[in-house]
Amino acid sequence: MVMFMSVVETKRESKYYNVKCPKCGEIHIIYSHIASKIYCKKCGELLAEPTGGKSAIYGKVVEELGH
């Protein structure tokens, strides 16, 4: 008896982003699927909040970082 195994490729949907605060311009690294609200460390502005899936990001995404 010959058994074959198949390899399933999975694509990661989660990413890290460099996000610029809209109020003060400070850059923060934010995960795409956060579990709690993220505030700017410098001015306290809300940068992102969880939505049950991909985060709602309120700052400007400056760069998508590698895995």
Protein backbone atom coordinates (compact mmCIF):
# COMPACT_ATOMS: atom_id res chain seq x y z
CA MET A 1 0.00 0.00 0.00
CA VAL A 2 1.33 3.43 -0.97
CA MET A 3 0.32 6.48 1.07
CA PHE A 4 0.66 10.01 -0.20
CA MET A 5 0.94 13.07 1.96
CA SER A 6 -0.02 16.42 0.59
CA VAL A 7 1.54 19.66 1.73
CA VAL A 8 -0.87 22.49 2.34
CA GLU A 9 0.57 25.97 2.07
CA THR A 10 -0.89 28.49 4.46
CA LYS A 11 -0.70 32.22 4.02
CA ARG A 12 -0.35 34.35 7.10
CA GLU A 13 -2.98 37.06 7.28
CA SER A 14 -1.59 38.83 10.34
CA LYS A 15 1.07 41.52 9.98
CA TYR A 16 2.87 44.26 11.84
CA TYR A 17 2.63 47.88 10.75
CA ASN A 18 4.49 51.09 11.44
CA VAL A 19 1.67 53.51 12.25
CA LYS A 20 2.04 57.29 12.49
CA CYS A 21 -0.03 59.07 15.12
CA PRO A 22 -2.35 61.59 13.41
CA LYS A 23 -2.02 64.05 16.31
CA CYS A 24 1.72 64.19 17.11
CA GLY A 25 3.44 62.17 14.36
CA GLU A 26 5.02 59.58 16.67
CA ILE A 27 5.63 56.19 14.96
CA HIS A 28 4.40 52.99 16.67
CA ILE A 29 4.58 49.31 15.70
CA ILE A 30 1.07 47.81 15.80
CA TYR A 31 -0.03 44.20 15.22
CA SER A 32 -2.87 43.73 12.73
CA HIS A 33 -5.04 41.62 15.08
CA ILE A 34 -4.84 43.32 18.49
CA ALA A 35 -6.85 42.34 21.56
CA SER A 36 -7.01 45.73 23.30
CA LYS A 37 -6.98 49.41 22.37
CA ILE A 38 -3.63 50.97 21.48
CA TYR A 39 -2.90 54.58 22.42
CA CYS A 40 0.00 56.83 21.43
CA LYS A 41 2.66 56.82 24.15
CA LYS A 42 3.46 60.48 23.55
CA CYS A 43 0.05 62.21 23.33
CA GLY A 44 -2.53 59.54 24.28
CA GLU A 45 -4.39 59.55 20.93
CA LEU A 46 -6.27 56.31 20.07
CA LEU A 47 -4.31 54.58 17.29
CA ALA A 48 -6.10 51.23 16.95
CA GLU A 49 -8.82 49.11 18.49
CA PRO A 50 -9.91 45.47 18.14
CA THR A 51 -12.90 44.55 15.97
CA GLY A 52 -13.05 40.79 16.51
CA GLY A 53 -10.74 40.22 13.55
CA LYS A 54 -8.45 42.67 11.85
CA SER A 55 -7.83 45.83 13.89
CA ALA A 56 -9.33 49.21 13.10
CA ILE A 57 -6.26 51.43 12.66
CA TYR A 58 -6.85 55.18 12.97
CA GLY A 59 -3.31 56.41 12.34
CA LYS A 60 -1.57 56.43 8.97
CA VAL A 61 0.07 53.11 8.06
CA VAL A 62 3.56 54.18 7.04
CA GLU A 63 5.03 50.73 6.38
CA GLU A 64 4.08 47.06 6.46
CA LEU A 65 6.74 45.10 8.30
CA GLY A 66 7.89 41.59 7.38
CA HIS A 67 6.83 38.46 9.26
